[in-house]
Amino acid sequence: MKPVNTAVKMPPGDADVPAPLVWTFDGAFERCLADAEDTLRRAIVLVGDVARVALQVELSLPALQQRVRQGDAVQPAWGRFLDHIERYGLPSAPRVRHLRGGGPLLTLVIAYRN
């Protein structure tokens, strides 16, 4: 897990909306999902209120395709990941964005309000 520094300019008047927390994960698909779940759990503790959290998962399609060729299975790992994060009580399901470019397999973006 490697934190990424994002330079996000917030519009004036949105001082209560901090820059999102961003982590990237690379490696076996199931391991990335387990690490992302652990990171999400820790971020919720840091933020202190799950009602203020919005979650986005970015998946690199070329990296995922490479993992599948190497024998990683998308299911049941993805289903377990969704089941596990559902119990955290997020206000909505994570948004999944599929990236056509290379890069890390999975990027976890957590936006929150103060």
C-alpha atoms as a PDB file:
ATOM      1  CA  MET A   1       0.000   0.000   0.000  1.00  0.00           C
ATOM      2  CA  LYS A   2       1.492   3.280  -1.087  1.00  0.00           C
ATOM      3  CA  PRO A   3      -0.145   6.631  -0.294  1.00  0.00           C
ATOM      4  CA  VAL A   4      -0.301   9.006  -3.200  1.00  0.00           C
ATOM      5  CA  ASN A   5      -0.099  12.768  -2.727  1.00  0.00           C
ATOM      6  CA  THR A   6      -2.870  14.353  -4.747  1.00  0.00           C
ATOM      7  CA  ALA A   7      -2.913  18.034  -5.528  1.00  0.00           C
ATOM      8  CA  VAL A   8      -6.619  18.759  -5.628  1.00  0.00           C
ATOM      9  CA  LYS A   9      -7.795  22.354  -5.777  1.00  0.00           C
ATOM     10  CA  MET A  10     -11.079  22.776  -3.963  1.00  0.00           C
ATOM     11  CA  PRO A  11     -13.555  25.441  -5.055  1.00  0.00           C
ATOM     12  CA  PRO A  12     -13.888  28.476  -2.790  1.00  0.00           C
ATOM     13  CA  GLY A  13     -16.376  27.889   0.006  1.00  0.00           C
ATOM     14  CA  ASP A  14     -15.655  24.167   0.188  1.00  0.00           C
ATOM     15  CA  ALA A  15     -13.168  24.464   3.035  1.00  0.00           C
ATOM     16  CA  ASP A  16     -14.985  21.693   4.920  1.00  0.00           C
ATOM     17  CA  VAL A  17     -14.255  19.224   2.085  1.00  0.00           C
ATOM     18  CA  PRO A  18     -10.645  18.081   2.424  1.00  0.00           C
ATOM     19  CA  ALA A  19      -8.645  16.540  -0.401  1.00  0.00           C
ATOM     20  CA  PRO A  20      -9.487  12.852  -0.874  1.00  0.00           C
ATOM     21  CA  LEU A  21      -7.359  10.099   0.596  1.00  0.00           C
ATOM     22  CA  VAL A  22      -5.783   8.003  -2.176  1.00  0.00           C
ATOM     23  CA  TRP A  23      -3.956   4.666  -2.004  1.00  0.00           C
ATOM     24  CA  THR A  24      -2.708   2.429  -4.800  1.00  0.00           C
ATOM     25  CA  PHE A  25      -2.363  -1.342  -4.694  1.00  0.00           C
ATOM     26  CA  ASP A  26      -0.576  -3.670  -7.070  1.00  0.00           C
ATOM     27  CA  GLY A  27      -0.075  -7.403  -6.996  1.00  0.00           C
ATOM     28  CA  ALA A  28      -2.424 -10.363  -6.815  1.00  0.00           C
ATOM     29  CA  PHE A  29      -6.055  -9.293  -7.199  1.00  0.00           C
ATOM     30  CA  GLU A  30      -7.314 -10.923  -4.001  1.00  0.00           C
ATOM     31  CA  ARG A  31      -4.419  -9.469  -1.970  1.00  0.00           C
ATOM     32  CA  CYS A  32      -5.106  -5.972  -3.359  1.00  0.00           C
ATOM     33  CA  LEU A  33      -8.760  -6.234  -2.349  1.00  0.00           C
ATOM     34  CA  ALA A  34      -7.852  -7.426   1.153  1.00  0.00           C
ATOM     35  CA  ASP A  35      -5.384  -4.547   1.554  1.00  0.00           C
ATOM     36  CA  ALA A  36      -7.955  -2.067   0.221  1.00  0.00           C
ATOM     37  CA  GLU A  37     -10.534  -3.325   2.712  1.00  0.00           C
ATOM     38  CA  ASP A  38      -8.069  -2.963   5.579  1.00  0.00           C
ATOM     39  CA  THR A  39      -7.170   0.546   4.408  1.00  0.00           C
ATOM     40  CA  LEU A  40     -10.841   1.505   4.162  1.00  0.00           C
ATOM     41  CA  ARG A  41     -11.471   0.284   7.698  1.00  0.00           C
ATOM     42  CA  ARG A  42      -8.554   2.349   9.002  1.00  0.00           C
ATOM     43  CA  ALA A  43      -9.683   5.425   7.043  1.00  0.00           C
ATOM     44  CA  ILE A  44     -13.176   5.181   8.534  1.00  0.00           C
ATOM     45  CA  VAL A  45     -11.631   5.130  12.000  1.00  0.00           C
ATOM     46  CA  LEU A  46      -9.545   8.172  11.031  1.00  0.00           C
ATOM     47  CA  VAL A  47     -12.550  10.094   9.665  1.00  0.00           C
ATOM     48  CA  GLY A  48     -14.702   9.020  12.597  1.00  0.00           C
ATOM     49  CA  ASP A  49     -18.095   8.887  10.879  1.00  0.00           C
ATOM     50  CA  VAL A  50     -18.909   6.517   8.050  1.00  0.00           C
ATOM     51  CA  ALA A  51     -21.848   8.734   6.982  1.00  0.00           C
ATOM     52  CA  ARG A  52     -19.314  11.289   5.745  1.00  0.00           C
ATOM     53  CA  VAL A  53     -17.412   8.883   3.479  1.00  0.00           C
ATOM     54  CA  ALA A  54     -17.685   8.351  -0.285  1.00  0.00           C
ATOM     55  CA  LEU A  55     -15.674   5.553  -1.853  1.00  0.00           C
ATOM     56  CA  GLN A  56     -14.333   5.070  -5.374  1.00  0.00           C
ATOM     57  CA  VAL A  57     -12.356   2.098  -6.639  1.00  0.00           C
ATOM     58  CA  GLU A  58     -10.377   2.509  -9.845  1.00  0.00           C
ATOM     59  CA  LEU A  59      -9.378  -0.692 -11.648  1.00  0.00           C
ATOM     60  CA  SER A  60      -6.765  -0.716 -14.383  1.00  0.00           C
ATOM     61  CA  LEU A  61      -8.198  -3.015 -17.049  1.00  0.00           C
ATOM     62  CA  PRO A  62      -4.780  -3.840 -18.595  1.00  0.00           C
ATOM     63  CA  ALA A  63      -3.382  -4.723 -15.148  1.00  0.00           C
ATOM     64  CA  LEU A  64      -6.487  -6.793 -14.343  1.00  0.00           C
ATOM     65  CA  GLN A  65      -6.237  -8.606 -17.661  1.00  0.00           C
ATOM     66  CA  GLN A  66      -2.611  -9.451 -16.892  1.00  0.00           C
ATOM     67  CA  ARG A  67      -3.577 -10.808 -13.447  1.00  0.00           C
ATOM     68  CA  VAL A  68      -6.329 -12.954 -14.977  1.00  0.00           C
ATOM     69  CA  ARG A  69      -3.845 -14.365 -17.515  1.00  0.00           C
ATOM     70  CA  GLN A  70      -1.598 -15.245 -14.586  1.00  0.00           C
ATOM     71  CA  GLY A  71      -4.428 -17.195 -12.960  1.00  0.00           C
ATOM     72  CA  ASP A  72      -6.096 -14.668 -10.628  1.00  0.00           C
ATOM     73  CA  ALA A  73      -9.879 -14.982 -10.487  1.00  0.00           C
ATOM     74  CA  VAL A  74     -12.083 -11.922 -10.246  1.00  0.00           C
ATOM     75  CA  GLN A  75     -14.824 -13.903  -8.538  1.00  0.00           C
ATOM     76  CA  PRO A  76     -15.294 -14.827  -5.724  1.00  0.00           C
ATOM     77  CA  ALA A  77     -12.726 -12.247  -4.494  1.00  0.00           C
ATOM     78  CA  TRP A  78     -14.723  -9.226  -5.732  1.00  0.00           C
ATOM     79  CA  GLY A  79     -17.951 -10.565  -4.200  1.00  0.00           C
ATOM     80  CA  ARG A  80     -16.231 -11.128  -0.844  1.00  0.00           C
ATOM     81  CA  PHE A  81     -14.771  -7.614  -0.966  1.00  0.00           C
ATOM     82  CA  LEU A  82     -18.223  -6.093  -1.519  1.00  0.00           C
ATOM     83  CA  ASP A  83     -19.716  -8.253   1.241  1.00  0.00           C
ATOM     84  CA  HIS A  84     -16.997  -7.203   3.686  1.00  0.00           C
ATOM     85  CA  ILE A  85     -17.228  -3.475   3.028  1.00  0.00           C
ATOM     86  CA  GLU A  86     -21.042  -3.594   3.128  1.00  0.00           C
ATOM     87  CA  ARG A  87     -20.901  -4.249   6.872  1.00  0.00           C
ATOM     88  CA  TYR A  88     -19.107  -0.921   7.420  1.00  0.00           C
ATOM     89  CA  GLY A  89     -22.395   0.878   6.738  1.00  0.00           C
ATOM     90  CA  LEU A  90     -21.230   3.137   3.914  1.00  0.00           C
ATOM     91  CA  PRO A  91     -23.977   5.504   2.755  1.00  0.00           C
ATOM     92  CA  SER A  92     -23.659   4.165  -0.808  1.00  0.00           C
ATOM     93  CA  ALA A  93     -21.916   1.394  -2.688  1.00  0.00           C
ATOM     94  CA  PRO A  94     -18.430   2.169  -3.984  1.00  0.00           C
ATOM     95  CA  ARG A  95     -18.206   3.706  -7.411  1.00  0.00           C
ATOM     96  CA  VAL A  96     -16.033   1.573  -9.681  1.00  0.00           C
ATOM     97  CA  ARG A  97     -14.128   3.336 -12.434  1.00  0.00           C
ATOM     98  CA  HIS A  98     -12.459   1.209 -15.099  1.00  0.00           C
ATOM     99  CA  LEU A  99      -9.227   2.662 -16.441  1.00  0.00           C
ATOM    100  CA  ARG A 100      -7.944   1.709 -19.869  1.00  0.00           C
ATOM    101  CA  GLY A 101      -4.424   2.867 -19.121  1.00  0.00           C
ATOM    102  CA  GLY A 102      -1.640   1.081 -17.322  1.00  0.00           C
ATOM    103  CA  GLY A 103      -0.611   1.694 -13.777  1.00  0.00           C
ATOM    104  CA  PRO A 104      -1.371   0.005 -10.498  1.00  0.00           C
ATOM    105  CA  LEU A 105      -4.101  -2.627 -10.462  1.00  0.00           C
ATOM    106  CA  LEU A 106      -6.320  -0.880  -7.932  1.00  0.00           C
ATOM    107  CA  THR A 107      -6.614   2.670  -6.633  1.00  0.00           C
ATOM    108  CA  LEU A 108      -8.766   3.391  -3.600  1.00  0.00           C
ATOM    109  CA  VAL A 109     -10.103   6.952  -3.329  1.00  0.00           C
ATOM    110  CA  ILE A 110     -11.866   7.996  -0.150  1.00  0.00           C
ATOM    111  CA  ALA A 111     -13.575  11.375  -0.094  1.00  0.00           C
ATOM    112  CA  TYR A 112     -15.008  12.689   3.158  1.00  0.00           C
ATOM    113  CA  ARG A 113     -16.506  15.750   4.790  1.00  0.00           C
ATOM    114  CA  ASN A 114     -15.394  17.260   8.069  1.00  0.00           C
END
